[in-house]
């Protein structure tokens, strides 16, 4: 249903390097590089970074986040570990969670711009 998502970042070069490391365990790689945007994906760009140098960091209470699918719990853990090692803040350590319809295994982080990103897998599905 959703084809792609975009988030805004203040420093495109730093964010490109950060997301290149963090998204690798999820099977996403850098596919497109332009002057003001970069796109990551498996076969086509699904996750975009858009450069907005004057943007203020996102407040923690916006209520929005982006959730990316991981193949297994190890990928969720690697995503979270690499995010923290590369300057993100912990916003929910890897673990089991209860969603509206099922349980899942996920982790949350906030990047340097305050974007809340989650990695998730459904081990029982």
C-alpha atoms as a PDB file:
ATOM      1  CA  UNK A   1       0.000   0.000   0.000  1.00  0.00           C
ATOM      2  CA  UNK A   2       2.753   2.484   0.858  1.00  0.00           C
ATOM      3  CA  UNK A   3       5.363   2.839  -1.856  1.00  0.00           C
ATOM      4  CA  UNK A   4       7.988   4.933  -0.064  1.00  0.00           C
ATOM      5  CA  UNK A   5       8.563   7.349   2.811  1.00  0.00           C
ATOM      6  CA  UNK A   6      10.718  10.436   3.179  1.00  0.00           C
ATOM      7  CA  UNK A   7      12.206  12.029   6.259  1.00  0.00           C
ATOM      8  CA  UNK A   8      13.975  15.354   6.586  1.00  0.00           C
ATOM      9  CA  UNK A   9      17.555  15.751   7.776  1.00  0.00           C
ATOM     10  CA  UNK A  10      19.741  18.773   8.463  1.00  0.00           C
ATOM     11  CA  UNK A  11      23.071  17.269   7.371  1.00  0.00           C
ATOM     12  CA  UNK A  12      22.682  15.053   4.321  1.00  0.00           C
ATOM     13  CA  UNK A  13      26.255  13.729   4.308  1.00  0.00           C
ATOM     14  CA  UNK A  14      26.193  12.671   7.976  1.00  0.00           C
ATOM     15  CA  UNK A  15      22.690  11.243   7.657  1.00  0.00           C
ATOM     16  CA  UNK A  16      23.628   9.325   4.503  1.00  0.00           C
ATOM     17  CA  UNK A  17      26.536   7.684   6.358  1.00  0.00           C
ATOM     18  CA  UNK A  18      24.372   7.011   9.423  1.00  0.00           C
ATOM     19  CA  UNK A  19      21.530   5.404   7.488  1.00  0.00           C
ATOM     20  CA  UNK A  20      23.900   3.471   5.241  1.00  0.00           C
ATOM     21  CA  UNK A  21      25.158   1.656   8.377  1.00  0.00           C
ATOM     22  CA  UNK A  22      21.811   1.397  10.176  1.00  0.00           C
ATOM     23  CA  UNK A  23      19.738   0.167   7.228  1.00  0.00           C
ATOM     24  CA  UNK A  24      22.218  -2.492   6.068  1.00  0.00           C
ATOM     25  CA  UNK A  25      20.927  -5.160   8.520  1.00  0.00           C
ATOM     26  CA  UNK A  26      17.430  -4.573   7.117  1.00  0.00           C
ATOM     27  CA  UNK A  27      18.635  -5.287   3.581  1.00  0.00           C
ATOM     28  CA  UNK A  28      18.358  -1.681   2.406  1.00  0.00           C
ATOM     29  CA  UNK A  29      21.238  -0.069   0.534  1.00  0.00           C
ATOM     30  CA  UNK A  30      21.926   3.340  -0.942  1.00  0.00           C
ATOM     31  CA  UNK A  31      20.438   3.342  -4.454  1.00  0.00           C
ATOM     32  CA  UNK A  32      20.038   7.009  -5.441  1.00  0.00           C
ATOM     33  CA  UNK A  33      22.166  10.061  -4.657  1.00  0.00           C
ATOM     34  CA  UNK A  34      21.139  13.537  -5.689  1.00  0.00           C
ATOM     35  CA  UNK A  35      22.135  16.990  -4.522  1.00  0.00           C
ATOM     36  CA  UNK A  36      19.334  17.333  -1.935  1.00  0.00           C
ATOM     37  CA  UNK A  37      18.099  13.782  -1.450  1.00  0.00           C
ATOM     38  CA  UNK A  38      19.250  10.167  -1.183  1.00  0.00           C
ATOM     39  CA  UNK A  39      17.190   7.002  -1.475  1.00  0.00           C
ATOM     40  CA  UNK A  40      17.664   3.604   0.154  1.00  0.00           C
ATOM     41  CA  UNK A  41      15.920   0.381  -0.768  1.00  0.00           C
ATOM     42  CA  UNK A  42      16.165  -3.216  -1.872  1.00  0.00           C
ATOM     43  CA  UNK A  43      15.377  -2.893  -5.601  1.00  0.00           C
ATOM     44  CA  UNK A  44      14.130   0.697  -5.753  1.00  0.00           C
ATOM     45  CA  UNK A  45      14.246   3.621  -3.294  1.00  0.00           C
ATOM     46  CA  UNK A  46      11.732   3.053  -0.499  1.00  0.00           C
ATOM     47  CA  UNK A  47      13.265   5.251   2.211  1.00  0.00           C
ATOM     48  CA  UNK A  48      14.371   8.782   1.311  1.00  0.00           C
ATOM     49  CA  UNK A  49      16.383  11.419   3.163  1.00  0.00           C
ATOM     50  CA  UNK A  50      15.563  14.972   2.120  1.00  0.00           C
ATOM     51  CA  UNK A  51      18.040  17.706   3.002  1.00  0.00           C
ATOM     52  CA  UNK A  52      16.557  20.633   4.912  1.00  0.00           C
ATOM     53  CA  UNK A  53      19.547  22.477   6.448  1.00  0.00           C
ATOM     54  CA  UNK A  54      17.409  25.027   8.341  1.00  0.00           C
ATOM     55  CA  UNK A  55      15.080  22.467   9.894  1.00  0.00           C
ATOM     56  CA  UNK A  56      14.789  22.350  13.673  1.00  0.00           C
ATOM     57  CA  UNK A  57      15.126  18.909  15.277  1.00  0.00           C
ATOM     58  CA  UNK A  58      11.797  17.082  15.558  1.00  0.00           C
ATOM     59  CA  UNK A  59      10.213  17.295  19.024  1.00  0.00           C
ATOM     60  CA  UNK A  60       9.748  13.978  20.800  1.00  0.00           C
ATOM     61  CA  UNK A  61       5.969  14.349  21.064  1.00  0.00           C
ATOM     62  CA  UNK A  62       4.944  14.477  17.397  1.00  0.00           C
ATOM     63  CA  UNK A  63       3.355  11.042  17.583  1.00  0.00           C
ATOM     64  CA  UNK A  64       4.749   9.909  14.229  1.00  0.00           C
ATOM     65  CA  UNK A  65       7.377   7.360  13.332  1.00  0.00           C
ATOM     66  CA  UNK A  66       8.493   5.222  10.417  1.00  0.00           C
ATOM     67  CA  UNK A  67       8.576   1.450  10.833  1.00  0.00           C
ATOM     68  CA  UNK A  68      10.808  -0.709   8.627  1.00  0.00           C
ATOM     69  CA  UNK A  69      10.487  -4.486   8.280  1.00  0.00           C
ATOM     70  CA  UNK A  70      13.371  -6.711   9.369  1.00  0.00           C
ATOM     71  CA  UNK A  71      13.835 -10.350   8.362  1.00  0.00           C
ATOM     72  CA  UNK A  72      14.407 -11.543  11.943  1.00  0.00           C
ATOM     73  CA  UNK A  73      15.170 -10.531  15.534  1.00  0.00           C
ATOM     74  CA  UNK A  74      18.918 -10.453  14.856  1.00  0.00           C
ATOM     75  CA  UNK A  75      18.378  -7.783  12.176  1.00  0.00           C
ATOM     76  CA  UNK A  76      16.249  -5.720  14.593  1.00  0.00           C
ATOM     77  CA  UNK A  77      19.003  -5.959  17.188  1.00  0.00           C
ATOM     78  CA  UNK A  78      21.719  -5.015  14.689  1.00  0.00           C
ATOM     79  CA  UNK A  79      19.659  -2.030  13.475  1.00  0.00           C
ATOM     80  CA  UNK A  80      19.271  -0.757  17.045  1.00  0.00           C
ATOM     81  CA  UNK A  81      22.896  -1.442  18.054  1.00  0.00           C
ATOM     82  CA  UNK A  82      24.280   0.296  14.953  1.00  0.00           C
ATOM     83  CA  UNK A  83      21.927   3.247  15.393  1.00  0.00           C
ATOM     84  CA  UNK A  84      23.143   3.854  18.946  1.00  0.00           C
ATOM     85  CA  UNK A  85      26.790   3.306  17.969  1.00  0.00           C
ATOM     86  CA  UNK A  86      26.398   5.940  15.234  1.00  0.00           C
ATOM     87  CA  UNK A  87      24.854   8.709  17.338  1.00  0.00           C
ATOM     88  CA  UNK A  88      21.134   7.904  17.625  1.00  0.00           C
ATOM     89  CA  UNK A  89      19.313   7.798  20.934  1.00  0.00           C
ATOM     90  CA  UNK A  90      17.466   4.802  22.290  1.00  0.00           C
ATOM     91  CA  UNK A  91      13.705   5.154  22.073  1.00  0.00           C
ATOM     92  CA  UNK A  92      12.822   1.524  22.809  1.00  0.00           C
ATOM     93  CA  UNK A  93      15.288  -1.341  23.166  1.00  0.00           C
ATOM     94  CA  UNK A  94      14.795  -4.525  21.145  1.00  0.00           C
ATOM     95  CA  UNK A  95      12.096  -6.714  22.602  1.00  0.00           C
ATOM     96  CA  UNK A  96       8.675  -8.297  22.327  1.00  0.00           C
ATOM     97  CA  UNK A  97       5.738  -5.938  21.989  1.00  0.00           C
ATOM     98  CA  UNK A  98       1.986  -6.205  21.709  1.00  0.00           C
ATOM     99  CA  UNK A  99       0.406  -4.469  18.714  1.00  0.00           C
ATOM    100  CA  UNK A 100      -3.280  -4.032  18.028  1.00  0.00           C
ATOM    101  CA  UNK A 101      -3.558  -7.293  16.082  1.00  0.00           C
ATOM    102  CA  UNK A 102      -0.524  -9.403  17.017  1.00  0.00           C
ATOM    103  CA  UNK A 103       2.733  -9.558  18.919  1.00  0.00           C
ATOM    104  CA  UNK A 104       5.999  -8.559  17.302  1.00  0.00           C
ATOM    105  CA  UNK A 105       9.670  -7.989  18.004  1.00  0.00           C
ATOM    106  CA  UNK A 106      10.887  -4.440  17.492  1.00  0.00           C
ATOM    107  CA  UNK A 107      13.191  -1.603  18.474  1.00  0.00           C
ATOM    108  CA  UNK A 108      12.997   2.178  18.229  1.00  0.00           C
ATOM    109  CA  UNK A 109      15.639   4.866  17.839  1.00  0.00           C
ATOM    110  CA  UNK A 110      15.729   8.606  17.224  1.00  0.00           C
ATOM    111  CA  UNK A 111      18.251   9.930  14.740  1.00  0.00           C
ATOM    112  CA  UNK A 112      20.170  13.202  15.204  1.00  0.00           C
ATOM    113  CA  UNK A 113      17.235  15.112  13.724  1.00  0.00           C
ATOM    114  CA  UNK A 114      14.699  13.575  16.094  1.00  0.00           C
ATOM    115  CA  UNK A 115      13.131  11.254  13.525  1.00  0.00           C
ATOM    116  CA  UNK A 116      11.719   8.180  15.301  1.00  0.00           C
ATOM    117  CA  UNK A 117      12.492   5.028  13.323  1.00  0.00           C
ATOM    118  CA  UNK A 118      11.466   1.486  14.260  1.00  0.00           C
ATOM    119  CA  UNK A 119      12.613  -1.886  12.980  1.00  0.00           C
ATOM    120  CA  UNK A 120      10.152  -4.758  13.334  1.00  0.00           C
ATOM    121  CA  UNK A 121       9.807  -8.459  12.661  1.00  0.00           C
ATOM    122  CA  UNK A 122       6.928 -10.857  13.190  1.00  0.00           C
ATOM    123  CA  UNK A 123       8.588 -14.097  14.322  1.00  0.00           C
ATOM    124  CA  UNK A 124       5.321 -16.027  14.669  1.00  0.00           C
ATOM    125  CA  UNK A 125       4.121 -15.280  11.154  1.00  0.00           C
END
